[in-house]
Amino acid sequence: MDSRRVNPVIGEYFDKKISEGKHYNTARCAAAKKLIRIIWSVEKNKRPFQIPE
């Protein structure tokens, strides 16, 4: 499943990288790295991820 469709935080970040002129694969890797940082933070802090409004 594509995390950009499920998680608006990742989708917005990906779109931001594309609008900056980054190549598709570069933007995809940057979005994956952001997702990894979110997962690490959730595990470290033992709190559920909440999508900001």
PDB file of N, CA and C in Angstrom:
ATOM      1  N   MET A   1       0.843  -1.176   0.000  1.00  0.00           N
ATOM      2  CA  MET A   1       0.000   0.000   0.000  1.00  0.00           C
ATOM      3  C   MET A   1       0.892   1.244   0.000  1.00  0.00           C
ATOM      4  N   ASP A   2       0.478   2.237  -0.686  1.00  0.00           N
ATOM      5  CA  ASP A   2       1.238   3.467  -0.813  1.00  0.00           C
ATOM      6  C   ASP A   2       0.976   4.362   0.393  1.00  0.00           C
ATOM      7  N   SER A   3       2.016   4.657   1.159  1.00  0.00           N
ATOM      8  CA  SER A   3       1.845   5.449   2.379  1.00  0.00           C
ATOM      9  C   SER A   3       1.436   6.893   2.088  1.00  0.00           C
ATOM     10  N   ARG A   4       1.698   7.360   0.876  1.00  0.00           N
ATOM     11  CA  ARG A   4       1.301   8.735   0.540  1.00  0.00           C
ATOM     12  C   ARG A   4      -0.202   8.889   0.530  1.00  0.00           C
ATOM     13  N   ARG A   5      -0.924   7.840   0.167  1.00  0.00           N
ATOM     14  CA  ARG A   5      -2.389   7.913   0.135  1.00  0.00           C
ATOM     15  C   ARG A   5      -2.986   7.737   1.523  1.00  0.00           C
ATOM     16  N   VAL A   6      -2.304   7.001   2.387  1.00  0.00           N
ATOM     17  CA  VAL A   6      -2.829   6.689   3.708  1.00  0.00           C
ATOM     18  C   VAL A   6      -2.456   7.761   4.724  1.00  0.00           C
ATOM     19  N   ASN A   7      -1.250   8.258   4.644  1.00  0.00           N
ATOM     20  CA  ASN A   7      -0.742   9.208   5.626  1.00  0.00           C
ATOM     21  C   ASN A   7      -0.552  10.573   4.965  1.00  0.00           C
ATOM     22  N   PRO A   8      -1.397  11.550   5.301  1.00  0.00           N
ATOM     23  CA  PRO A   8      -1.268  12.864   4.644  1.00  0.00           C
ATOM     24  C   PRO A   8       0.048  13.570   4.952  1.00  0.00           C
ATOM     25  N   VAL A   9       0.673  13.276   6.077  1.00  0.00           N
ATOM     26  CA  VAL A   9       1.963  13.895   6.414  1.00  0.00           C
ATOM     27  C   VAL A   9       3.008  13.486   5.382  1.00  0.00           C
ATOM     28  N   ILE A  10       3.054  12.207   5.063  1.00  0.00           N
ATOM     29  CA  ILE A  10       4.021  11.709   4.081  1.00  0.00           C
ATOM     30  C   ILE A  10       3.670  12.222   2.689  1.00  0.00           C
ATOM     31  N   GLY A  11       2.391  12.256   2.363  1.00  0.00           N
ATOM     32  CA  GLY A  11       1.954  12.746   1.056  1.00  0.00           C
ATOM     33  C   GLY A  11       2.335  14.197   0.829  1.00  0.00           C
ATOM     34  N   GLU A  12       2.113  15.033   1.832  1.00  0.00           N
ATOM     35  CA  GLU A  12       2.474  16.448   1.714  1.00  0.00           C
ATOM     36  C   GLU A  12       3.982  16.621   1.584  1.00  0.00           C
ATOM     37  N   TYR A  13       4.738  15.820   2.345  1.00  0.00           N
ATOM     38  CA  TYR A  13       6.194  15.898   2.286  1.00  0.00           C
ATOM     39  C   TYR A  13       6.704  15.496   0.902  1.00  0.00           C
ATOM     40  N   PHE A  14       6.127  14.410   0.352  1.00  0.00           N
ATOM     41  CA  PHE A  14       6.498  13.959  -0.981  1.00  0.00           C
ATOM     42  C   PHE A  14       6.186  15.042  -2.020  1.00  0.00           C
ATOM     43  N   ASP A  15       4.986  15.611  -1.952  1.00  0.00           N
ATOM     44  CA  ASP A  15       4.605  16.670  -2.892  1.00  0.00           C
ATOM     45  C   ASP A  15       5.516  17.884  -2.775  1.00  0.00           C
ATOM     46  N   LYS A  16       5.937  18.199  -1.540  1.00  0.00           N
ATOM     47  CA  LYS A  16       6.845  19.327  -1.326  1.00  0.00           C
ATOM     48  C   LYS A  16       8.177  19.077  -2.024  1.00  0.00           C
ATOM     49  N   LYS A  17       8.694  17.855  -1.900  1.00  0.00           N
ATOM     50  CA  LYS A  17       9.966  17.523  -2.542  1.00  0.00           C
ATOM     51  C   LYS A  17       9.854  17.570  -4.067  1.00  0.00           C
ATOM     52  N   ILE A  18       8.748  17.093  -4.594  1.00  0.00           N
ATOM     53  CA  ILE A  18       8.528  17.151  -6.047  1.00  0.00           C
ATOM     54  C   ILE A  18       8.459  18.612  -6.500  1.00  0.00           C
ATOM     55  N   SER A  19       7.763  19.458  -5.735  1.00  0.00           N
ATOM     56  CA  SER A  19       7.648  20.875  -6.116  1.00  0.00           C
ATOM     57  C   SER A  19       8.984  21.600  -6.010  1.00  0.00           C
ATOM     58  N   GLU A  20       9.896  21.071  -5.199  1.00  0.00           N
ATOM     59  CA  GLU A  20      11.245  21.643  -5.112  1.00  0.00           C
ATOM     60  C   GLU A  20      12.106  21.255  -6.310  1.00  0.00           C
ATOM     61  N   GLY A  21      11.557  20.384  -7.163  1.00  0.00           N
ATOM     62  CA  GLY A  21      12.289  19.988  -8.360  1.00  0.00           C
ATOM     63  C   GLY A  21      13.086  18.710  -8.195  1.00  0.00           C
ATOM     64  N   LYS A  22      12.835  17.988  -7.109  1.00  0.00           N
ATOM     65  CA  LYS A  22      13.552  16.731  -6.884  1.00  0.00           C
ATOM     66  C   LYS A  22      13.038  15.665  -7.847  1.00  0.00           C
ATOM     67  N   HIS A  23      13.892  14.744  -8.200  1.00  0.00           N
ATOM     68  CA  HIS A  23      13.513  13.608  -9.035  1.00  0.00           C
ATOM     69  C   HIS A  23      12.539  12.736  -8.246  1.00  0.00           C
ATOM     70  N   TYR A  24      11.683  11.996  -8.964  1.00  0.00           N
ATOM     71  CA  TYR A  24      10.668  11.150  -8.321  1.00  0.00           C
ATOM     72  C   TYR A  24      11.297  10.186  -7.320  1.00  0.00           C
ATOM     73  N   ASN A  25      12.366   9.510  -7.708  1.00  0.00           N
ATOM     74  CA  ASN A  25      12.991   8.536  -6.806  1.00  0.00           C
ATOM     75  C   ASN A  25      13.628   9.204  -5.600  1.00  0.00           C
ATOM     76  N   THR A  26      14.183  10.385  -5.775  1.00  0.00           N
ATOM     77  CA  THR A  26      14.762  11.128  -4.657  1.00  0.00           C
ATOM     78  C   THR A  26      13.672  11.529  -3.675  1.00  0.00           C
ATOM     79  N   ALA A  27      12.548  12.010  -4.195  1.00  0.00           N
ATOM     80  CA  ALA A  27      11.424  12.396  -3.331  1.00  0.00           C
ATOM     81  C   ALA A  27      10.858  11.173  -2.623  1.00  0.00           C
ATOM     82  N   ARG A  28      10.805  10.061  -3.309  1.00  0.00           N
ATOM     83  CA  ARG A  28      10.289   8.825  -2.710  1.00  0.00           C
ATOM     84  C   ARG A  28      11.195   8.356  -1.581  1.00  0.00           C
ATOM     85  N   CYS A  29      12.495   8.425  -1.773  1.00  0.00           N
ATOM     86  CA  CYS A  29      13.435   8.033  -0.714  1.00  0.00           C
ATOM     87  C   CYS A  29      13.364   8.993   0.469  1.00  0.00           C
ATOM     88  N   ALA A  30      13.201  10.278   0.201  1.00  0.00           N
ATOM     89  CA  ALA A  30      13.066  11.253   1.286  1.00  0.00           C
ATOM     90  C   ALA A  30      11.797  10.992   2.095  1.00  0.00           C
ATOM     91  N   ALA A  31      10.716  10.655   1.418  1.00  0.00           N
ATOM     92  CA  ALA A  31       9.460  10.345   2.111  1.00  0.00           C
ATOM     93  C   ALA A  31       9.605   9.065   2.933  1.00  0.00           C
ATOM     94  N   ALA A  32      10.317   8.084   2.413  1.00  0.00           N
ATOM     95  CA  ALA A  32      10.545   6.847   3.157  1.00  0.00           C
ATOM     96  C   ALA A  32      11.375   7.118   4.406  1.00  0.00           C
ATOM     97  N   LYS A  33      12.365   7.985   4.265  1.00  0.00           N
ATOM     98  CA  LYS A  33      13.199   8.341   5.409  1.00  0.00           C
ATOM     99  C   LYS A  33      12.377   9.054   6.474  1.00  0.00           C
ATOM    100  N   LYS A  34      11.462   9.919   6.055  1.00  0.00           N
ATOM    101  CA  LYS A  34      10.593  10.608   7.007  1.00  0.00           C
ATOM    102  C   LYS A  34       9.685   9.605   7.719  1.00  0.00           C
ATOM    103  N   LEU A  35       9.171   8.640   6.985  1.00  0.00           N
ATOM    104  CA  LEU A  35       8.323   7.611   7.586  1.00  0.00           C
ATOM    105  C   LEU A  35       9.108   6.807   8.619  1.00  0.00           C
ATOM    106  N   ILE A  36      10.356   6.501   8.328  1.00  0.00           N
ATOM    107  CA  ILE A  36      11.205   5.779   9.277  1.00  0.00           C
ATOM    108  C   ILE A  36      11.419   6.614  10.539  1.00  0.00           C
ATOM    109  N   ARG A  37      11.630   7.925  10.380  1.00  0.00           N
ATOM    110  CA  ARG A  37      11.800   8.782  11.560  1.00  0.00           C
ATOM    111  C   ARG A  37      10.531   8.825  12.398  1.00  0.00           C
ATOM    112  N   ILE A  38       9.367   8.835  11.752  1.00  0.00           N
ATOM    113  CA  ILE A  38       8.092   8.826  12.480  1.00  0.00           C
ATOM    114  C   ILE A  38       7.952   7.517  13.252  1.00  0.00           C
ATOM    115  N   ILE A  39       8.236   6.399  12.600  1.00  0.00           N
ATOM    116  CA  ILE A  39       8.130   5.092  13.254  1.00  0.00           C
ATOM    117  C   ILE A  39       9.087   5.016  14.438  1.00  0.00           C
ATOM    118  N   TRP A  40      10.306   5.480  14.268  1.00  0.00           N
ATOM    119  CA  TRP A  40      11.289   5.462  15.354  1.00  0.00           C
ATOM    120  C   TRP A  40      10.808   6.301  16.532  1.00  0.00           C
ATOM    121  N   SER A  41      10.254   7.462  16.258  1.00  0.00           N
ATOM    122  CA  SER A  41       9.753   8.331  17.319  1.00  0.00           C
ATOM    123  C   SER A  41       8.587   7.692  18.070  1.00  0.00           C
ATOM    124  N   VAL A  42       7.688   7.048  17.339  1.00  0.00           N
ATOM    125  CA  VAL A  42       6.550   6.370  17.966  1.00  0.00           C
ATOM    126  C   VAL A  42       7.057   5.263  18.897  1.00  0.00           C
ATOM    127  N   GLU A  43       8.016   4.483  18.429  1.00  0.00           N
ATOM    128  CA  GLU A  43       8.555   3.399  19.249  1.00  0.00           C
ATOM    129  C   GLU A  43       9.322   3.929  20.458  1.00  0.00           C
ATOM    130  N   LYS A  44      10.107   4.961  20.266  1.00  0.00           N
ATOM    131  CA  LYS A  44      10.922   5.508  21.344  1.00  0.00           C
ATOM    132  C   LYS A  44      10.058   6.120  22.434  1.00  0.00           C
ATOM    133  N   ASN A  45       9.049   6.875  22.043  1.00  0.00           N
ATOM    134  CA  ASN A  45       8.219   7.590  23.011  1.00  0.00           C
ATOM    135  C   ASN A  45       7.021   6.786  23.501  1.00  0.00           C
ATOM    136  N   LYS A  46       6.783   5.624  22.902  1.00  0.00           N
ATOM    137  CA  LYS A  46       5.666   4.755  23.289  1.00  0.00           C
ATOM    138  C   LYS A  46       4.327   5.483  23.255  1.00  0.00           C
ATOM    139  N   ARG A  47       4.161   6.319  22.241  1.00  0.00           N
ATOM    140  CA  ARG A  47       2.904   7.046  22.039  1.00  0.00           C
ATOM    141  C   ARG A  47       2.412   6.785  20.627  1.00  0.00           C
ATOM    142  N   PRO A  48       1.092   6.722  20.446  1.00  0.00           N
ATOM    143  CA  PRO A  48       0.573   6.501  19.099  1.00  0.00           C
ATOM    144  C   PRO A  48       0.804   7.722  18.202  1.00  0.00           C
ATOM    145  N   PHE A  49       0.940   7.457  16.928  1.00  0.00           N
ATOM    146  CA  PHE A  49       1.098   8.544  15.950  1.00  0.00           C
ATOM    147  C   PHE A  49      -0.239   9.203  15.712  1.00  0.00           C
ATOM    148  N   GLN A  50      -0.259  10.512  15.820  1.00  0.00           N
ATOM    149  CA  GLN A  50      -1.470  11.273  15.551  1.00  0.00           C
ATOM    150  C   GLN A  50      -1.202  12.218  14.388  1.00  0.00           C
ATOM    151  N   ILE A  51      -2.086  12.170  13.417  1.00  0.00           N
ATOM    152  CA  ILE A  51      -1.943  13.037  12.261  1.00  0.00           C
ATOM    153  C   ILE A  51      -2.345  14.449  12.679  1.00  0.00           C
ATOM    154  N   PRO A  52      -1.439  15.434  12.521  1.00  0.00           N
ATOM    155  CA  PRO A  52      -1.780  16.807  12.890  1.00  0.00           C
ATOM    156  C   PRO A  52      -2.889  17.359  12.006  1.00  0.00           C
ATOM    157  N   GLU A  53      -3.722  18.150  12.603  1.00  0.00           N
ATOM    158  CA  GLU A  53      -4.862  18.714  11.847  1.00  0.00           C
ATOM    159  C   GLU A  53      -4.547  20.037  11.226  1.00  0.00           C
TER     160      GLU A  53
END
